[in-house]
């Protein structure tokens, strides 16, 4: 631990304790703003609330980029290359069935030390803690070695990493490392499986259902493909740490003139979770195998092709970019300096036995580490099990403790 950190950390923790109520009130403000991109809401209002808080906390620079990400900057030593980014997304999923919620999704109610609300765990709790962690550095006049970016990422719930691609390709900022605040159970995460969303387009020939032999039924071809996909799920690669890859058919859509007709076209959707050693090419080959299995049964009547889905929904700023729905697997080795340093700092600040683990779900690390090869690590104050549920929640004490951790990481990484 550096002399600077030894001197400054007590002051950081004192400032965080003094601003406990402010941090939690800010988290409640974020929860109160509807920002569910999965149901078509945008993030302009919550982005503005983020900007207001960063400016009030004395960040050296606060701005919004072209796609709508919000960046608060704490300036570091000018001769140091590469910035450290603390990344949280500011959008949420939808409420779903409101009858399943025991607490108002937008109230941020606190009961027995637990705060409830939509996005409480995924991941507005980390956003609030990161903003106040940066505020602590600004308040105690601590100069990190590198510039520290606290970033509110947009559109993550509909396409994780999409907005980070914009940051990486369009902004002139070199990142040396990224800390993602997704739920980590107050442990350190060093990777997760990737995923790919695909479809198989299957052409048929429509006819009246009273004489099905006059047409070509793509549903039967899809059925054979689905059986082969189920078999392929047993043949995927397994990794000791990240786990096994999976493949599953998830939906079938048909183009048919009526329920009394053989459909003219079918689209089969597939979700592929990728472990280390598997990639987009792997799953394309698997689905070609499924098509060949259908061809072996139905002959030349099978006409199908595989596509990776893409995302091109405009951001609230109006900016639009097309990105394939392929999210690479990524993993930092346990002895990587970023893993070890993050673990040491987190363990010290929390005074607990912090574990080094993995995420079950996918994060924007699929872009920062998976595509851009920027060393990426995870630490967040919430639990995975509450994400995307009507039990969305976070422990208030964990939010405050995470604030001290983020400030220490910002100072020392």
Protein backbone atom coordinates (compact mmCIF):
# COMPACT_ATOMS: atom_id res chain seq x y z
CA UNK A 1 0.00 0.00 0.00
CA UNK A 2 1.42 3.40 -0.98
CA UNK A 3 2.15 6.13 1.59
CA UNK A 4 -0.45 8.32 -0.11
CA UNK A 5 -3.13 5.69 0.35
CA UNK A 6 -2.18 5.14 4.00
CA UNK A 7 -2.60 8.86 4.63
CA UNK A 8 -5.74 9.47 2.61
CA UNK A 9 -7.88 6.37 3.25
CA UNK A 10 -8.97 7.41 6.78
CA UNK A 11 -10.06 10.78 5.40
CA UNK A 12 -11.96 9.04 2.60
CA UNK A 13 -13.80 6.80 5.02
CA UNK A 14 -14.66 9.76 7.26
CA UNK A 15 -16.07 11.66 4.27
CA UNK A 16 -18.07 8.63 3.13
CA UNK A 17 -19.54 8.19 6.61
CA UNK A 18 -20.50 11.88 6.74
CA UNK A 19 -22.24 11.61 3.35
CA UNK A 20 -24.01 8.31 3.99
CA UNK A 21 -27.51 9.82 3.89
CA UNK A 22 -26.71 11.88 0.78
CA UNK A 23 -25.48 8.81 -1.09
CA UNK A 24 -28.56 6.76 -0.23
CA UNK A 25 -30.89 9.65 -1.07
CA UNK A 26 -29.15 9.89 -4.45
CA UNK A 27 -29.68 6.16 -5.01
CA UNK A 28 -33.37 6.63 -4.21
CA UNK A 29 -33.52 9.48 -6.73
CA UNK A 30 -32.05 7.22 -9.42
CA UNK A 31 -34.56 4.47 -8.65
CA UNK A 32 -37.43 6.96 -8.91
CA UNK A 33 -36.62 7.73 -12.56
CA UNK A 34 -38.12 5.27 -15.08
CA UNK A 35 -35.27 4.11 -17.34
CA UNK A 36 -36.26 0.64 -18.53
CA UNK A 37 -34.76 0.33 -22.01
CA UNK A 38 -36.25 -3.16 -22.36
CA UNK A 39 -39.72 -1.61 -22.62
CA UNK A 40 -38.75 1.41 -24.71
CA UNK A 41 -37.98 4.02 -22.04
CA UNK A 42 -34.89 6.17 -22.46
CA UNK A 43 -32.21 7.41 -20.10
CA UNK A 44 -32.13 11.15 -20.69
CA UNK A 45 -33.71 12.06 -17.35
CA UNK A 46 -31.57 9.73 -15.26
CA UNK A 47 -28.46 10.87 -17.14
CA UNK A 48 -29.26 14.46 -16.23
CA UNK A 49 -29.69 13.51 -12.56
CA UNK A 50 -26.28 11.85 -12.70
CA UNK A 51 -24.69 14.97 -14.16
CA UNK A 52 -26.21 17.18 -11.45
CA UNK A 53 -24.80 15.01 -8.65
CA UNK A 54 -21.32 14.77 -10.17
CA UNK A 55 -21.16 18.53 -10.64
CA UNK A 56 -22.34 19.13 -7.07
CA UNK A 57 -19.65 16.76 -5.77
CA UNK A 58 -16.87 18.73 -7.46
CA UNK A 59 -15.73 16.44 -10.27
CA UNK A 60 -13.05 18.05 -12.45
CA UNK A 61 -15.10 17.40 -15.60
CA UNK A 62 -18.59 16.09 -16.30
CA UNK A 63 -19.93 15.46 -19.79
CA UNK A 64 -22.21 13.33 -21.93
CA UNK A 65 -20.82 11.61 -25.02
CA UNK A 66 -22.58 11.21 -28.35
CA UNK A 67 -24.41 7.99 -27.51
CA UNK A 68 -25.52 9.32 -24.10
CA UNK A 69 -23.02 7.83 -21.63
CA UNK A 70 -22.34 10.16 -18.70
CA UNK A 71 -18.71 10.60 -17.65
CA UNK A 72 -17.43 12.23 -14.48
CA UNK A 73 -13.66 12.70 -14.40
CA UNK A 74 -11.30 13.03 -11.43
CA UNK A 75 -8.01 14.16 -12.88
CA UNK A 76 -4.87 12.20 -12.04
CA UNK A 77 -1.17 12.79 -12.50
CA UNK A 78 -0.69 14.28 -15.96
CA UNK A 79 2.33 12.13 -16.84
CA UNK A 80 0.47 8.87 -16.23
CA UNK A 81 -0.89 7.10 -19.30
CA UNK A 82 -4.25 5.40 -19.29
CA UNK A 83 -7.38 6.10 -17.25
CA UNK A 84 -9.23 3.87 -14.81
CA UNK A 85 -12.97 3.56 -15.51
CA UNK A 86 -15.65 2.73 -12.97
CA UNK A 87 -18.58 1.51 -15.03
CA UNK A 88 -22.25 1.10 -14.12
CA UNK A 89 -25.24 1.09 -16.44
CA UNK A 90 -28.09 3.49 -15.74
CA UNK A 91 -30.90 1.65 -17.51
CA UNK A 92 -33.04 -1.09 -16.01
CA UNK A 93 -35.36 -3.85 -17.17
CA UNK A 94 -39.11 -3.36 -16.95
CA UNK A 95 -41.23 -3.82 -13.83
CA UNK A 96 -43.01 -6.88 -15.22
CA UNK A 97 -46.08 -7.86 -13.20
CA UNK A 98 -46.53 -5.08 -10.60
CA UNK A 99 -48.60 -7.43 -8.42
CA UNK A 100 -45.44 -9.43 -7.67
CA UNK A 101 -43.75 -6.44 -6.02
CA UNK A 102 -44.10 -6.18 -2.25
CA UNK A 103 -42.49 -2.72 -2.40
CA UNK A 104 -43.11 0.16 -4.80
CA UNK A 105 -40.57 -0.36 -7.63
CA UNK A 106 -39.84 3.38 -7.80
CA UNK A 107 -39.91 4.40 -4.12
CA UNK A 108 -36.56 3.12 -2.88
CA UNK A 109 -38.16 2.05 0.40
CA UNK A 110 -35.82 1.03 3.22
CA UNK A 111 -36.86 -1.72 5.60
CA UNK A 112 -34.55 -3.28 8.21
CA UNK A 113 -31.46 -1.91 6.47
CA UNK A 114 -32.44 -3.15 3.00
CA UNK A 115 -33.36 -0.78 0.17
CA UNK A 116 -35.93 -2.05 -2.35
CA UNK A 117 -36.68 -0.84 -5.86
CA UNK A 118 -36.28 -1.43 -9.57
CA UNK A 119 -32.57 -1.31 -10.35
CA UNK A 120 -31.56 -1.38 -6.69
CA UNK A 121 -29.35 -4.39 -7.28
CA UNK A 122 -28.85 -4.12 -11.06
CA UNK A 123 -27.16 -1.78 -10.84
CA UNK A 124 -28.07 1.68 -9.60
CA UNK A 125 -26.60 0.83 -6.21
CA UNK A 126 -23.14 0.62 -7.76
CA UNK A 127 -23.75 3.79 -9.76
CA UNK A 128 -24.54 5.76 -6.60
CA UNK A 129 -21.55 4.26 -4.77
CA UNK A 130 -19.19 5.00 -7.67
CA UNK A 131 -20.39 8.60 -7.96
CA UNK A 132 -19.82 9.14 -4.25
CA UNK A 133 -16.51 7.26 -4.35
CA UNK A 134 -15.35 9.80 -6.94
CA UNK A 135 -16.83 12.55 -4.81
CA UNK A 136 -14.72 11.38 -1.88
CA UNK A 137 -11.54 11.66 -3.96
CA UNK A 138 -12.51 15.16 -5.05
CA UNK A 139 -13.38 16.23 -1.50
CA UNK A 140 -10.18 15.06 0.18
CA UNK A 141 -8.09 16.48 -2.65
CA UNK A 142 -6.48 13.12 -3.37
CA UNK A 143 -4.73 12.89 -6.72
CA UNK A 144 -4.86 9.40 -8.26
CA UNK A 145 -2.00 8.20 -10.44
CA UNK A 146 -4.38 7.93 -13.41
CA UNK A 147 -7.45 9.89 -14.44
CA UNK A 148 -10.54 8.27 -12.93
CA UNK A 149 -13.68 8.02 -15.05
CA UNK A 150 -17.00 7.32 -13.36
CA UNK A 151 -19.25 6.28 -16.23
CA UNK A 152 -23.00 5.80 -16.41
CA UNK A 153 -23.44 3.51 -19.40
CA UNK A 154 -26.61 3.55 -21.50
CA UNK A 155 -28.55 0.75 -23.22
CA UNK A 156 -26.81 -2.05 -21.36
CA UNK A 157 -29.92 -4.05 -20.56
CA UNK A 158 -30.83 -4.29 -24.25
CA UNK A 159 -27.30 -4.78 -25.58
CA UNK A 160 -24.45 -4.92 -23.06
CA UNK A 161 -21.24 -3.35 -24.32
CA UNK A 162 -22.98 -1.47 -27.15
CA UNK A 163 -22.34 1.96 -25.63
CA UNK A 164 -18.83 0.97 -24.52
CA UNK A 165 -18.02 0.28 -28.16
CA UNK A 166 -18.89 3.92 -28.87
CA UNK A 167 -16.62 5.10 -26.04
CA UNK A 168 -13.74 2.94 -27.21
CA UNK A 169 -14.00 3.75 -30.92
CA UNK A 170 -15.15 7.38 -30.92
CA UNK A 171 -13.54 9.05 -27.89
CA UNK A 172 -9.87 9.82 -27.53
CA UNK A 173 -9.50 8.22 -24.08
CA UNK A 174 -7.07 5.40 -23.37
CA UNK A 175 -8.21 3.08 -20.57
CA UNK A 176 -5.73 1.06 -18.56
CA UNK A 177 -8.42 -0.82 -16.62
CA UNK A 178 -12.18 -1.04 -16.06
CA UNK A 179 -14.03 -1.81 -12.83
CA UNK A 180 -17.61 -2.96 -13.45
CA UNK A 181 -20.11 -2.55 -10.61
CA UNK A 182 -22.45 -5.43 -11.48
CA UNK A 183 -23.62 -7.55 -8.57
CA UNK A 184 -20.65 -9.38 -7.09
CA UNK A 185 -21.77 -10.19 -3.52
CA UNK A 186 -19.00 -7.82 -2.34
CA UNK A 187 -16.46 -10.15 -3.93
CA UNK A 188 -14.14 -9.67 -6.91
CA UNK A 189 -15.24 -11.03 -10.30
CA UNK A 190 -12.69 -11.79 -13.00
CA UNK A 191 -14.74 -13.05 -15.94
CA UNK A 192 -17.85 -14.69 -17.29
CA UNK A 193 -19.17 -16.77 -20.16
CA UNK A 194 -20.03 -15.07 -23.41
CA UNK A 195 -23.17 -15.41 -25.45
CA UNK A 196 -24.51 -15.12 -28.96
CA UNK A 197 -28.07 -14.53 -30.19
CA UNK A 198 -28.84 -16.17 -33.52
CA UNK A 199 -31.64 -17.11 -35.83
CA UNK A 200 -32.15 -19.77 -38.48
CA UNK A 201 -34.31 -18.58 -41.36
CA UNK A 202 -36.21 -21.55 -42.85
CA UNK A 203 -38.03 -21.17 -46.14
CA UNK A 204 -41.13 -23.23 -46.86
CA UNK A 205 -44.01 -23.26 -49.33
CA UNK A 206 -47.48 -22.36 -48.11
CA UNK A 207 -50.56 -24.36 -49.00
CA UNK A 208 -53.97 -25.20 -47.55
CA UNK A 209 -53.64 -27.36 -44.44
CA UNK A 210 -56.24 -29.76 -45.82
CA UNK A 211 -53.61 -30.93 -48.33
CA UNK A 212 -50.23 -30.45 -46.61
CA UNK A 213 -48.44 -32.55 -49.24
CA UNK A 214 -48.87 -29.66 -51.69
CA UNK A 215 -46.50 -27.45 -49.71
CA UNK A 216 -43.24 -27.54 -47.78
CA UNK A 217 -43.68 -27.16 -44.02
CA UNK A 218 -40.73 -25.31 -42.42
CA UNK A 219 -42.04 -26.19 -38.94
CA UNK A 220 -41.11 -29.83 -39.50
CA UNK A 221 -37.62 -28.77 -40.56
CA UNK A 222 -37.39 -26.60 -37.46
CA UNK A 223 -38.49 -29.52 -35.30
CA UNK A 224 -35.65 -31.69 -36.56
CA UNK A 225 -33.18 -28.85 -36.07
CA UNK A 226 -34.40 -28.35 -32.49
CA UNK A 227 -33.87 -32.03 -31.73
CA UNK A 228 -30.31 -31.78 -32.99
CA UNK A 229 -29.74 -28.55 -31.01
CA UNK A 230 -30.85 -30.39 -27.86
CA UNK A 231 -28.24 -33.07 -28.60
CA UNK A 232 -25.57 -30.45 -29.29
CA UNK A 233 -26.14 -28.99 -25.83
CA UNK A 234 -24.59 -32.16 -24.43
CA UNK A 235 -21.50 -31.75 -26.61
CA UNK A 236 -20.40 -28.22 -25.68
CA UNK A 237 -17.05 -27.39 -24.09
CA UNK A 238 -16.66 -27.22 -20.29
CA UNK A 239 -14.22 -24.92 -18.48
CA UNK A 240 -13.06 -25.57 -14.90
CA UNK A 241 -13.75 -21.99 -13.74
CA UNK A 242 -16.32 -20.48 -16.11
CA UNK A 243 -18.40 -23.62 -16.53
CA UNK A 244 -20.00 -25.28 -19.52
CA UNK A 245 -21.29 -23.70 -22.71
CA UNK A 246 -24.99 -24.17 -23.49
CA UNK A 247 -27.18 -23.97 -26.57
CA UNK A 248 -30.96 -23.71 -26.55
CA UNK A 249 -33.77 -23.01 -28.96
CA UNK A 250 -35.80 -20.18 -27.46
CA UNK A 251 -38.51 -19.18 -29.93
CA UNK A 252 -40.10 -20.03 -33.28
CA UNK A 253 -41.97 -17.52 -35.40
CA UNK A 254 -43.93 -18.38 -38.56
CA UNK A 255 -45.18 -16.45 -41.56
CA UNK A 256 -48.53 -18.01 -42.38
CA UNK A 257 -51.75 -16.70 -43.98
CA UNK A 258 -53.91 -18.51 -41.39
CA UNK A 259 -54.00 -21.32 -38.88
CA UNK A 260 -55.48 -23.46 -41.63
CA UNK A 261 -52.41 -23.15 -43.84
CA UNK A 262 -48.90 -24.56 -43.97
CA UNK A 263 -46.58 -21.62 -43.18
CA UNK A 264 -44.44 -20.11 -45.89
CA UNK A 265 -41.53 -19.32 -43.60
CA UNK A 266 -40.25 -20.05 -40.09
CA UNK A 267 -37.62 -18.36 -37.96
CA UNK A 268 -35.92 -20.36 -35.22
CA UNK A 269 -34.19 -18.33 -32.47
CA UNK A 270 -31.23 -19.71 -30.53
CA UNK A 271 -29.44 -18.60 -27.37
CA UNK A 272 -25.83 -19.78 -27.09
CA UNK A 273 -23.81 -19.31 -23.89
CA UNK A 274 -20.12 -19.57 -24.69
CA UNK A 275 -17.36 -20.76 -22.42
CA UNK A 276 -13.64 -20.25 -22.98
CA UNK A 277 -12.61 -21.79 -26.29
CA UNK A 278 -15.99 -21.20 -27.95
CA UNK A 279 -16.93 -18.25 -30.16
CA UNK A 280 -19.37 -17.05 -32.81
CA UNK A 281 -17.83 -19.39 -35.39
CA UNK A 282 -18.45 -22.32 -33.03
CA UNK A 283 -22.19 -21.76 -32.85
CA UNK A 284 -22.56 -21.06 -36.56
CA UNK A 285 -20.96 -24.45 -37.22
CA UNK A 286 -23.34 -26.09 -34.73
CA UNK A 287 -26.40 -24.62 -36.42
CA UNK A 288 -25.11 -25.63 -39.84
CA UNK A 289 -24.89 -29.13 -38.36
CA UNK A 290 -28.56 -28.85 -37.31
CA UNK A 291 -29.51 -27.77 -40.83
CA UNK A 292 -27.60 -30.70 -42.31
CA UNK A 293 -29.49 -33.03 -39.97
CA UNK A 294 -32.77 -31.70 -41.34
CA UNK A 295 -31.46 -32.08 -44.89
CA UNK A 296 -30.61 -35.71 -44.19
CA UNK A 297 -34.26 -36.31 -43.25
CA UNK A 298 -36.11 -34.03 -45.69
CA UNK A 299 -33.68 -33.73 -48.60
CA UNK A 300 -33.61 -30.79 -50.98
CA UNK A 301 -36.83 -29.32 -49.59
CA UNK A 302 -34.78 -27.80 -46.74
CA UNK A 303 -33.75 -24.22 -47.46
CA UNK A 304 -32.26 -22.55 -44.38
CA UNK A 305 -29.47 -20.20 -43.36
CA UNK A 306 -27.95 -18.95 -40.08
CA UNK A 307 -27.56 -15.32 -38.99
CA UNK A 308 -26.22 -13.57 -35.88
CA UNK A 309 -28.80 -11.03 -34.73
CA UNK A 310 -27.82 -7.37 -34.57
CA UNK A 311 -28.82 -4.32 -32.53
CA UNK A 312 -29.33 -0.86 -34.01
CA UNK A 313 -31.85 0.93 -31.79
CA UNK A 314 -31.06 4.68 -31.58
CA UNK A 315 -29.91 6.06 -28.22
CA UNK A 316 -31.83 8.86 -26.53
CA UNK A 317 -29.36 11.27 -28.15
CA UNK A 318 -30.43 10.04 -31.58
CA UNK A 319 -27.08 8.34 -32.24
CA UNK A 320 -27.43 4.98 -33.97
CA UNK A 321 -24.88 2.24 -34.58
CA UNK A 322 -25.30 -1.39 -35.58
CA UNK A 323 -23.59 -4.00 -33.42
CA UNK A 324 -23.82 -7.80 -33.70
CA UNK A 325 -25.33 -9.64 -30.77
CA UNK A 326 -22.17 -11.57 -30.15
CA UNK A 327 -20.72 -11.10 -26.68
CA UNK A 328 -17.30 -12.74 -26.30
CA UNK A 329 -16.26 -14.80 -23.33
CA UNK A 330 -13.55 -13.17 -21.21
CA UNK A 331 -11.39 -14.13 -18.27
CA UNK A 332 -8.49 -12.50 -16.44
CA UNK A 333 -6.06 -14.97 -14.94
CA UNK A 334 -6.15 -15.02 -11.16
CA UNK A 335 -2.53 -13.86 -10.94
CA UNK A 336 -3.15 -10.86 -13.21
CA UNK A 337 -1.98 -7.65 -11.44
CA UNK A 338 -5.44 -6.06 -11.70
CA UNK A 339 -7.08 -9.07 -10.06
CA UNK A 340 -4.53 -9.25 -7.28
CA UNK A 341 -4.44 -5.51 -6.59
CA UNK A 342 -8.24 -5.20 -6.60
CA UNK A 343 -8.49 -8.17 -4.26
CA UNK A 344 -5.89 -6.76 -1.88
CA UNK A 345 -7.47 -3.30 -1.74
CA UNK A 346 -11.03 -4.62 -1.39
CA UNK A 347 -10.04 -7.13 1.28
CA UNK A 348 -8.21 -4.41 3.23
CA UNK A 349 -10.92 -1.76 3.06
CA UNK A 350 -13.71 -4.20 3.96
CA UNK A 351 -11.55 -6.02 6.52
CA UNK A 352 -13.03 -9.31 5.35
CA UNK A 353 -12.13 -12.44 3.40
CA UNK A 354 -13.05 -11.32 -0.10
CA UNK A 355 -13.35 -14.11 -2.67
CA UNK A 356 -12.30 -14.08 -6.33
CA UNK A 357 -15.17 -15.48 -8.37
CA UNK A 358 -17.05 -15.18 -11.69
CA UNK A 359 -20.36 -13.79 -12.90
CA UNK A 360 -23.16 -16.10 -14.00
CA UNK A 361 -24.64 -13.50 -16.34
CA UNK A 362 -23.07 -11.31 -19.02
CA UNK A 363 -21.78 -7.76 -18.49
CA UNK A 364 -20.21 -5.01 -20.57
CA UNK A 365 -16.91 -6.71 -19.86
CA UNK A 366 -17.73 -8.69 -22.99
CA UNK A 367 -16.71 -5.56 -24.88
CA UNK A 368 -14.06 -3.93 -22.66
CA UNK A 369 -12.12 -7.16 -22.13
CA UNK A 370 -13.70 -9.51 -24.68
CA UNK A 371 -13.30 -7.24 -27.69
CA UNK A 372 -11.11 -4.27 -26.71
CA UNK A 373 -8.71 -6.29 -24.50
CA UNK A 374 -8.82 -3.71 -21.69
CA UNK A 375 -8.13 -5.45 -18.36
CA UNK A 376 -11.51 -5.60 -16.60
CA UNK A 377 -12.56 -6.57 -13.10
CA UNK A 378 -15.82 -6.60 -11.18
CA UNK A 379 -16.91 -5.42 -7.75
CA UNK A 380 -20.45 -4.49 -6.75
CA UNK A 381 -22.52 -4.12 -3.58
CA UNK A 382 -25.46 -6.34 -4.54
CA UNK A 383 -26.32 -9.99 -5.13
CA UNK A 384 -26.93 -11.60 -8.54
CA UNK A 385 -30.03 -13.43 -7.31
CA UNK A 386 -32.02 -10.19 -6.98
CA UNK A 387 -31.32 -8.88 -10.48
CA UNK A 388 -34.32 -8.80 -12.84
CA UNK A 389 -36.73 -9.89 -10.10
CA UNK A 390 -39.58 -8.33 -8.14
CA UNK A 391 -37.33 -8.75 -5.06
CA UNK A 392 -34.79 -6.23 -6.41
CA UNK A 393 -32.86 -4.99 -3.36
CA UNK A 394 -29.53 -4.04 -1.83
CA UNK A 395 -28.18 -3.72 1.69
CA UNK A 396 -27.66 -0.06 2.59
CA UNK A 397 -24.44 -0.83 4.51
CA UNK A 398 -23.04 -2.57 1.43
CA UNK A 399 -23.63 0.53 -0.70
CA UNK A 400 -21.70 2.65 1.77
CA UNK A 401 -18.89 0.12 2.14
CA UNK A 402 -18.65 -0.15 -1.66
CA UNK A 403 -18.29 3.63 -1.85
CA UNK A 404 -15.13 3.42 0.27
CA UNK A 405 -13.86 0.55 -1.85
CA UNK A 406 -14.37 2.46 -5.14
CA UNK A 407 -12.59 5.50 -3.73
CA UNK A 408 -9.65 3.35 -2.66
CA UNK A 409 -9.49 1.60 -6.01
CA UNK A 410 -9.61 4.97 -7.78
CA UNK A 411 -6.73 6.23 -5.70
CA UNK A 412 -4.53 3.15 -5.88
CA UNK A 413 -5.13 1.24 -9.12
